[in-house]
N, C-alpha and C. Protein backbone atom coordinates (compact mmCIF):
# COMPACT_ATOMS: atom_id res chain seq x y z
N MET A 1 0.84 -1.18 0.00
CA MET A 1 0.00 0.00 0.00
C MET A 1 0.89 1.24 0.00
N MET A 2 0.67 2.11 -0.96
CA MET A 2 1.45 3.34 -1.06
C MET A 2 0.59 4.50 -0.59
N VAL A 3 1.20 5.40 0.19
CA VAL A 3 0.51 6.56 0.73
C VAL A 3 1.33 7.79 0.40
N LYS A 4 0.68 8.87 -0.01
CA LYS A 4 1.40 10.11 -0.31
C LYS A 4 1.28 11.05 0.88
N ILE A 5 2.42 11.63 1.29
CA ILE A 5 2.42 12.60 2.38
C ILE A 5 3.20 13.83 1.97
N ASP A 6 2.87 14.97 2.57
CA ASP A 6 3.63 16.19 2.38
C ASP A 6 4.79 16.16 3.35
N MET A 7 5.94 16.62 2.92
CA MET A 7 7.14 16.58 3.75
C MET A 7 7.82 17.94 3.73
N PRO A 8 8.15 18.49 4.87
CA PRO A 8 8.86 19.77 4.90
C PRO A 8 10.28 19.61 4.39
N TYR A 9 10.81 20.67 3.80
CA TYR A 9 12.16 20.60 3.24
C TYR A 9 13.18 21.31 4.12
N ILE A 10 12.80 21.69 5.33
CA ILE A 10 13.70 22.42 6.22
C ILE A 10 14.93 21.59 6.54
N LEU A 11 14.74 20.42 7.10
CA LEU A 11 15.82 19.48 7.34
C LEU A 11 15.50 18.25 6.51
N ASP A 12 16.16 18.12 5.41
CA ASP A 12 15.82 17.05 4.48
C ASP A 12 16.63 15.81 4.80
N PHE A 13 16.06 14.93 5.64
CA PHE A 13 16.79 13.74 6.05
C PHE A 13 16.54 12.56 5.13
N TYR A 14 15.75 12.75 4.08
CA TYR A 14 15.60 11.73 3.06
C TYR A 14 16.60 12.05 1.95
N PRO A 15 17.51 11.15 1.63
CA PRO A 15 18.57 11.45 0.67
C PRO A 15 18.03 11.58 -0.76
N LEU A 16 18.81 12.25 -1.59
CA LEU A 16 18.51 12.25 -3.01
C LEU A 16 18.68 10.81 -3.48
N GLN A 17 17.71 10.31 -4.24
CA GLN A 17 17.59 8.87 -4.42
C GLN A 17 17.95 8.34 -5.79
N THR A 18 18.44 9.17 -6.68
CA THR A 18 18.74 8.70 -8.03
C THR A 18 20.19 8.23 -8.13
N GLU A 19 20.48 7.55 -9.22
CA GLU A 19 21.83 7.02 -9.46
C GLU A 19 22.88 8.13 -9.45
N GLU A 20 22.48 9.32 -9.85
CA GLU A 20 23.40 10.46 -9.86
C GLU A 20 23.90 10.82 -8.47
N PHE A 21 23.09 10.53 -7.42
CA PHE A 21 23.41 10.98 -6.07
C PHE A 21 23.79 9.87 -5.09
N THR A 22 23.39 8.62 -5.36
CA THR A 22 23.67 7.56 -4.39
C THR A 22 23.91 6.22 -5.09
N GLN A 23 24.84 5.47 -4.55
CA GLN A 23 25.13 4.15 -5.11
C GLN A 23 24.14 3.10 -4.64
N ILE A 24 23.25 3.46 -3.73
CA ILE A 24 22.20 2.51 -3.31
C ILE A 24 20.84 2.92 -3.89
N HIS A 25 20.87 3.57 -5.04
CA HIS A 25 19.63 4.02 -5.69
C HIS A 25 18.67 2.87 -5.95
N SER A 26 19.17 1.66 -6.10
CA SER A 26 18.29 0.50 -6.33
C SER A 26 17.33 0.28 -5.17
N PHE A 27 17.76 0.60 -3.94
CA PHE A 27 16.87 0.47 -2.78
C PHE A 27 15.61 1.31 -2.99
N PHE A 28 15.81 2.55 -3.43
CA PHE A 28 14.69 3.47 -3.61
C PHE A 28 13.85 3.09 -4.82
N GLU A 29 14.50 2.66 -5.89
CA GLU A 29 13.76 2.22 -7.08
C GLU A 29 12.90 1.01 -6.73
N ASN A 30 13.48 0.07 -5.98
CA ASN A 30 12.72 -1.11 -5.57
C ASN A 30 11.55 -0.75 -4.67
N LEU A 31 11.78 0.19 -3.73
CA LEU A 31 10.72 0.61 -2.83
C LEU A 31 9.56 1.23 -3.61
N LYS A 32 9.89 2.01 -4.63
CA LYS A 32 8.84 2.59 -5.48
C LYS A 32 8.00 1.52 -6.17
N GLU A 33 8.60 0.35 -6.40
CA GLU A 33 7.89 -0.77 -7.02
C GLU A 33 7.22 -1.66 -5.98
N GLY A 34 7.29 -1.26 -4.71
CA GLY A 34 6.64 -2.03 -3.65
C GLY A 34 7.50 -3.13 -3.07
N LYS A 35 8.81 -3.13 -3.40
CA LYS A 35 9.71 -4.17 -2.89
C LYS A 35 10.62 -3.58 -1.82
N PHE A 36 10.78 -4.30 -0.72
CA PHE A 36 11.67 -3.91 0.38
C PHE A 36 12.93 -4.75 0.22
N THR A 37 14.05 -4.09 -0.07
CA THR A 37 15.27 -4.81 -0.41
C THR A 37 16.47 -4.32 0.38
N THR A 38 17.53 -5.10 0.32
CA THR A 38 18.81 -4.70 0.89
C THR A 38 19.92 -5.41 0.12
N THR A 39 21.14 -5.21 0.56
CA THR A 39 22.27 -5.82 -0.12
C THR A 39 22.76 -7.05 0.64
N LYS A 40 23.32 -7.99 -0.13
CA LYS A 40 23.95 -9.19 0.41
C LYS A 40 25.34 -9.28 -0.21
N CYS A 41 26.34 -9.41 0.63
CA CYS A 41 27.73 -9.46 0.17
C CYS A 41 27.98 -10.76 -0.62
N LYS A 42 28.52 -10.59 -1.82
CA LYS A 42 28.84 -11.77 -2.64
C LYS A 42 30.04 -12.53 -2.08
N LYS A 43 30.93 -11.85 -1.37
CA LYS A 43 32.15 -12.47 -0.87
C LYS A 43 31.90 -13.34 0.37
N CYS A 44 31.19 -12.79 1.38
CA CYS A 44 31.01 -13.54 2.63
C CYS A 44 29.58 -13.99 2.89
N GLY A 45 28.63 -13.49 2.08
CA GLY A 45 27.23 -13.91 2.23
C GLY A 45 26.43 -13.17 3.27
N GLU A 46 27.01 -12.17 3.94
CA GLU A 46 26.28 -11.40 4.95
C GLU A 46 25.16 -10.59 4.32
N ILE A 47 23.99 -10.63 4.96
CA ILE A 47 22.88 -9.76 4.57
C ILE A 47 23.02 -8.49 5.39
N LEU A 48 23.04 -7.37 4.71
CA LEU A 48 23.37 -6.10 5.35
C LEU A 48 22.16 -5.18 5.46
N TRP A 49 21.95 -4.65 6.63
CA TRP A 49 20.96 -3.57 6.80
C TRP A 49 21.67 -2.46 7.51
N GLN A 50 21.63 -1.36 6.96
CA GLN A 50 21.04 -0.77 5.79
C GLN A 50 21.84 -1.19 4.56
N PRO A 51 21.25 -1.03 3.36
CA PRO A 51 21.98 -1.40 2.14
C PRO A 51 23.34 -0.70 2.09
N ARG A 52 24.35 -1.43 1.67
CA ARG A 52 25.72 -0.89 1.64
C ARG A 52 26.38 -1.20 0.31
N ILE A 53 27.48 -0.48 0.07
CA ILE A 53 28.28 -0.75 -1.12
C ILE A 53 29.59 -1.45 -0.76
N VAL A 54 29.92 -1.47 0.54
CA VAL A 54 31.09 -2.19 1.05
C VAL A 54 30.64 -2.96 2.30
N CYS A 55 31.02 -4.22 2.36
CA CYS A 55 30.64 -5.07 3.49
C CYS A 55 31.49 -4.73 4.72
N PRO A 56 30.86 -4.43 5.86
CA PRO A 56 31.61 -4.14 7.08
C PRO A 56 32.25 -5.38 7.71
N HIS A 57 31.85 -6.57 7.24
CA HIS A 57 32.38 -7.81 7.80
C HIS A 57 33.66 -8.28 7.11
N CYS A 58 33.70 -8.14 5.77
CA CYS A 58 34.85 -8.68 5.02
C CYS A 58 35.47 -7.67 4.06
N SER A 59 34.91 -6.47 4.01
CA SER A 59 35.36 -5.39 3.10
C SER A 59 35.10 -5.71 1.63
N GLY A 60 34.29 -6.71 1.35
CA GLY A 60 33.92 -6.99 -0.03
C GLY A 60 33.09 -5.85 -0.59
N ASN A 61 33.23 -5.62 -1.89
CA ASN A 61 32.48 -4.51 -2.50
C ASN A 61 31.61 -4.96 -3.66
N GLU A 62 31.30 -6.24 -3.73
CA GLU A 62 30.36 -6.74 -4.72
C GLU A 62 29.12 -7.23 -3.98
N MET A 63 27.97 -6.65 -4.35
CA MET A 63 26.73 -6.94 -3.64
C MET A 63 25.66 -7.44 -4.59
N ASP A 64 24.78 -8.27 -4.06
CA ASP A 64 23.54 -8.65 -4.72
C ASP A 64 22.41 -7.94 -4.00
N TRP A 65 21.35 -7.62 -4.73
CA TRP A 65 20.14 -7.07 -4.11
C TRP A 65 19.20 -8.22 -3.82
N ILE A 66 18.69 -8.28 -2.59
CA ILE A 66 17.76 -9.34 -2.20
C ILE A 66 16.50 -8.73 -1.61
N ASP A 67 15.40 -9.46 -1.73
CA ASP A 67 14.13 -9.02 -1.14
C ASP A 67 14.13 -9.33 0.35
N LEU A 68 13.56 -8.41 1.11
CA LEU A 68 13.37 -8.60 2.55
C LEU A 68 11.89 -8.86 2.82
N PRO A 69 11.59 -9.54 3.92
CA PRO A 69 10.18 -9.69 4.32
C PRO A 69 9.57 -8.31 4.60
N GLN A 70 8.31 -8.17 4.30
CA GLN A 70 7.61 -6.91 4.55
C GLN A 70 6.77 -6.98 5.81
N GLU A 71 6.97 -8.04 6.58
CA GLU A 71 6.26 -8.21 7.84
C GLU A 71 7.22 -8.67 8.92
N GLY A 72 6.82 -8.44 10.15
CA GLY A 72 7.63 -8.87 11.28
C GLY A 72 6.91 -8.60 12.59
N LYS A 73 7.66 -8.76 13.66
CA LYS A 73 7.09 -8.55 15.00
C LYS A 73 7.79 -7.39 15.69
N LEU A 74 7.01 -6.60 16.40
CA LEU A 74 7.54 -5.45 17.12
C LEU A 74 8.41 -5.92 18.28
N PHE A 75 9.68 -5.55 18.26
CA PHE A 75 10.64 -5.95 19.29
C PHE A 75 10.70 -4.92 20.42
N ALA A 76 10.68 -3.64 20.05
CA ALA A 76 10.75 -2.55 21.03
C ALA A 76 10.17 -1.29 20.38
N PHE A 77 9.69 -0.38 21.21
CA PHE A 77 9.13 0.86 20.67
C PHE A 77 9.17 1.95 21.72
N THR A 78 9.05 3.18 21.25
CA THR A 78 8.98 4.33 22.14
C THR A 78 8.17 5.42 21.46
N GLU A 79 7.84 6.43 22.24
CA GLU A 79 7.09 7.56 21.70
C GLU A 79 7.98 8.79 21.74
N VAL A 80 7.98 9.55 20.64
CA VAL A 80 8.80 10.75 20.53
C VAL A 80 7.92 11.97 20.83
N PHE A 81 8.31 12.70 21.89
CA PHE A 81 7.61 13.93 22.26
C PHE A 81 8.46 15.16 21.96
N TYR A 82 9.75 15.07 22.29
CA TYR A 82 10.67 16.19 22.18
C TYR A 82 11.86 15.80 21.34
N GLY A 83 12.59 16.78 20.86
CA GLY A 83 13.76 16.50 20.05
C GLY A 83 13.40 16.02 18.65
N VAL A 84 12.21 16.38 18.22
CA VAL A 84 11.73 16.00 16.90
C VAL A 84 12.50 16.81 15.86
N PRO A 85 12.91 16.20 14.73
CA PRO A 85 13.61 16.97 13.70
C PRO A 85 12.81 18.20 13.26
N LEU A 86 13.52 19.28 13.02
CA LEU A 86 12.92 20.52 12.58
C LEU A 86 12.03 20.27 11.36
N GLY A 87 10.84 20.78 11.41
CA GLY A 87 9.89 20.58 10.33
C GLY A 87 8.89 19.47 10.60
N LEU A 88 9.14 18.66 11.62
CA LEU A 88 8.22 17.57 11.95
C LEU A 88 7.54 17.79 13.29
N GLU A 89 7.67 19.01 13.82
CA GLU A 89 7.09 19.29 15.14
C GLU A 89 5.59 19.02 15.18
N GLN A 90 4.90 19.27 14.06
CA GLN A 90 3.46 19.08 14.01
C GLN A 90 3.07 17.61 14.12
N ASP A 91 4.02 16.71 13.88
CA ASP A 91 3.74 15.27 13.95
C ASP A 91 3.82 14.71 15.36
N ALA A 92 4.54 15.40 16.25
CA ALA A 92 4.76 14.88 17.60
C ALA A 92 3.46 14.93 18.40
N PRO A 93 3.22 13.96 19.25
CA PRO A 93 4.04 12.78 19.47
C PRO A 93 3.78 11.72 18.40
N PHE A 94 4.80 10.90 18.15
CA PHE A 94 4.66 9.76 17.26
C PHE A 94 5.54 8.62 17.77
N SER A 95 5.23 7.42 17.33
CA SER A 95 5.96 6.24 17.79
C SER A 95 6.98 5.80 16.76
N ILE A 96 8.09 5.24 17.27
CA ILE A 96 9.07 4.57 16.44
C ILE A 96 9.29 3.19 17.04
N GLY A 97 9.66 2.24 16.19
CA GLY A 97 9.84 0.89 16.71
C GLY A 97 10.85 0.08 15.93
N ILE A 98 11.36 -0.93 16.59
CA ILE A 98 12.26 -1.90 15.99
C ILE A 98 11.42 -3.14 15.67
N VAL A 99 11.44 -3.53 14.40
CA VAL A 99 10.67 -4.69 13.97
C VAL A 99 11.63 -5.79 13.54
N GLU A 100 11.47 -6.97 14.15
CA GLU A 100 12.24 -8.15 13.75
C GLU A 100 11.56 -8.74 12.53
N LEU A 101 12.30 -8.82 11.42
CA LEU A 101 11.73 -9.29 10.17
C LEU A 101 11.45 -10.79 10.22
N ASP A 102 10.32 -11.19 9.65
CA ASP A 102 9.95 -12.60 9.59
C ASP A 102 10.97 -13.38 8.79
N GLY A 103 11.50 -14.46 9.36
CA GLY A 103 12.39 -15.37 8.65
C GLY A 103 13.83 -14.95 8.52
N LEU A 104 14.20 -13.81 9.09
CA LEU A 104 15.60 -13.35 9.03
C LEU A 104 16.04 -12.88 10.41
N PRO A 105 17.31 -13.08 10.73
CA PRO A 105 17.82 -12.55 12.01
C PRO A 105 18.19 -11.08 11.85
N MET A 106 17.20 -10.26 11.54
CA MET A 106 17.45 -8.85 11.24
C MET A 106 16.30 -8.01 11.78
N SER A 107 16.66 -6.83 12.30
CA SER A 107 15.67 -5.88 12.81
C SER A 107 15.82 -4.55 12.09
N VAL A 108 14.69 -3.87 11.89
CA VAL A 108 14.70 -2.59 11.18
C VAL A 108 13.92 -1.57 12.00
N LEU A 109 14.55 -0.43 12.23
CA LEU A 109 13.94 0.68 12.98
C LEU A 109 13.25 1.64 12.02
N ALA A 110 12.05 2.04 12.35
CA ALA A 110 11.33 3.04 11.55
C ALA A 110 10.17 3.60 12.37
N ARG A 111 9.62 4.66 11.87
CA ARG A 111 8.43 5.25 12.48
C ARG A 111 7.25 4.29 12.33
N ILE A 112 6.33 4.33 13.28
CA ILE A 112 5.13 3.50 13.23
C ILE A 112 3.94 4.41 12.98
N ASP A 113 3.16 4.09 11.96
CA ASP A 113 1.95 4.84 11.61
C ASP A 113 0.71 4.06 12.02
N ASP A 114 -0.40 4.76 12.03
CA ASP A 114 -1.72 4.14 12.20
C ASP A 114 -1.89 3.39 13.52
N ALA A 115 -1.22 3.88 14.57
CA ALA A 115 -1.38 3.26 15.89
C ALA A 115 -1.01 4.27 16.97
N HIS A 116 -1.76 4.27 18.04
CA HIS A 116 -1.40 5.07 19.21
C HIS A 116 -0.41 4.29 20.05
N PHE A 117 0.49 5.00 20.70
CA PHE A 117 1.52 4.37 21.52
C PHE A 117 0.91 3.39 22.51
N GLU A 118 -0.15 3.78 23.16
CA GLU A 118 -0.75 2.92 24.20
C GLU A 118 -1.38 1.64 23.63
N ASP A 119 -1.58 1.60 22.31
CA ASP A 119 -2.16 0.41 21.69
C ASP A 119 -1.09 -0.56 21.18
N LEU A 120 0.17 -0.16 21.22
CA LEU A 120 1.26 -1.01 20.74
C LEU A 120 1.72 -1.96 21.84
N GLU A 121 2.23 -3.13 21.43
CA GLU A 121 2.81 -4.05 22.41
C GLU A 121 3.90 -4.89 21.75
N VAL A 122 4.89 -5.24 22.54
CA VAL A 122 5.98 -6.08 22.07
C VAL A 122 5.40 -7.39 21.54
N GLY A 123 5.89 -7.83 20.40
CA GLY A 123 5.40 -9.06 19.79
C GLY A 123 4.28 -8.83 18.79
N GLN A 124 3.76 -7.62 18.73
CA GLN A 124 2.67 -7.30 17.81
C GLN A 124 3.14 -7.45 16.36
N GLU A 125 2.28 -7.99 15.52
CA GLU A 125 2.61 -8.15 14.11
C GLU A 125 2.54 -6.80 13.40
N MET A 126 3.59 -6.52 12.60
CA MET A 126 3.69 -5.26 11.88
C MET A 126 3.89 -5.55 10.40
N LYS A 127 3.57 -4.56 9.57
CA LYS A 127 3.82 -4.68 8.14
C LYS A 127 4.39 -3.37 7.61
N LEU A 128 5.07 -3.48 6.49
CA LEU A 128 5.71 -2.34 5.86
C LEU A 128 4.66 -1.40 5.27
N LYS A 129 4.91 -0.11 5.36
CA LYS A 129 4.07 0.90 4.74
C LYS A 129 5.00 1.79 3.93
N ILE A 130 4.78 1.86 2.63
CA ILE A 130 5.62 2.67 1.75
C ILE A 130 5.02 4.06 1.64
N ILE A 131 5.90 5.06 1.82
CA ILE A 131 5.48 6.47 1.83
C ILE A 131 6.02 7.16 0.58
N ASN A 132 5.14 7.76 -0.21
CA ASN A 132 5.54 8.56 -1.36
C ASN A 132 5.64 10.02 -0.93
N LEU A 133 6.82 10.59 -1.08
CA LEU A 133 7.03 11.99 -0.72
C LEU A 133 6.58 12.89 -1.86
N GLU A 134 6.26 14.12 -1.52
CA GLU A 134 5.69 15.07 -2.46
C GLU A 134 6.57 15.28 -3.71
N ASP A 135 7.87 15.19 -3.57
CA ASP A 135 8.77 15.47 -4.69
C ASP A 135 9.14 14.23 -5.51
N GLY A 136 8.45 13.11 -5.27
CA GLY A 136 8.70 11.91 -6.05
C GLY A 136 9.61 10.90 -5.38
N ARG A 137 10.21 11.27 -4.25
CA ARG A 137 11.03 10.31 -3.52
C ARG A 137 10.13 9.39 -2.71
N VAL A 138 10.74 8.40 -2.07
CA VAL A 138 9.98 7.38 -1.36
C VAL A 138 10.71 7.02 -0.07
N TRP A 139 9.97 6.58 0.94
CA TRP A 139 10.55 6.08 2.18
C TRP A 139 9.60 5.03 2.73
N PHE A 140 9.88 4.54 3.94
CA PHE A 140 9.02 3.50 4.50
C PHE A 140 8.79 3.75 5.99
N ARG A 141 7.74 3.15 6.48
CA ARG A 141 7.40 3.13 7.90
C ARG A 141 6.79 1.76 8.20
N TRP A 142 6.49 1.54 9.47
CA TRP A 142 5.78 0.33 9.88
C TRP A 142 4.36 0.70 10.26
N GLU A 143 3.46 -0.27 10.21
CA GLU A 143 2.10 -0.12 10.72
C GLU A 143 1.63 -1.49 11.22
N PRO A 144 0.72 -1.48 12.20
CA PRO A 144 0.22 -2.75 12.71
C PRO A 144 -0.47 -3.54 11.60
N LYS A 145 -0.25 -4.84 11.61
CA LYS A 145 -0.91 -5.73 10.67
C LYS A 145 -2.33 -5.95 11.16
N LYS A 146 -3.26 -5.82 10.29
CA LYS A 146 -4.67 -5.96 10.70
C LYS A 146 -5.23 -7.28 10.29
């Protein structure tokens, strides 16, 4: 499910996502197609999160792109009241959480949408939510699985 949101440009923490600006542009292209992906080192086989161009385990620099599960279980979460990035003050409070991906020994941190903090609980099933930014870029968040 893709959702379009308006995003302030004051502190732009979403990177420029094209091949001209980043060597992990495939991550963003895949996300636009509804696929959640990351890199896997061809040399040592490590699955890396976040996507990388050099493996921190073996220094290999040849990667394959692999699909990640789009569902998992909430491992930990908190609510953000203060210290919100400039331009997102109107969103506070909001929740962020670490989700353990189904079938992989990997966890991914992101904002949680469509849930109040008091309704969240450790172990809760979550699913990926793809966010389309106003300028054509893309990002992701988590939301409770219904």
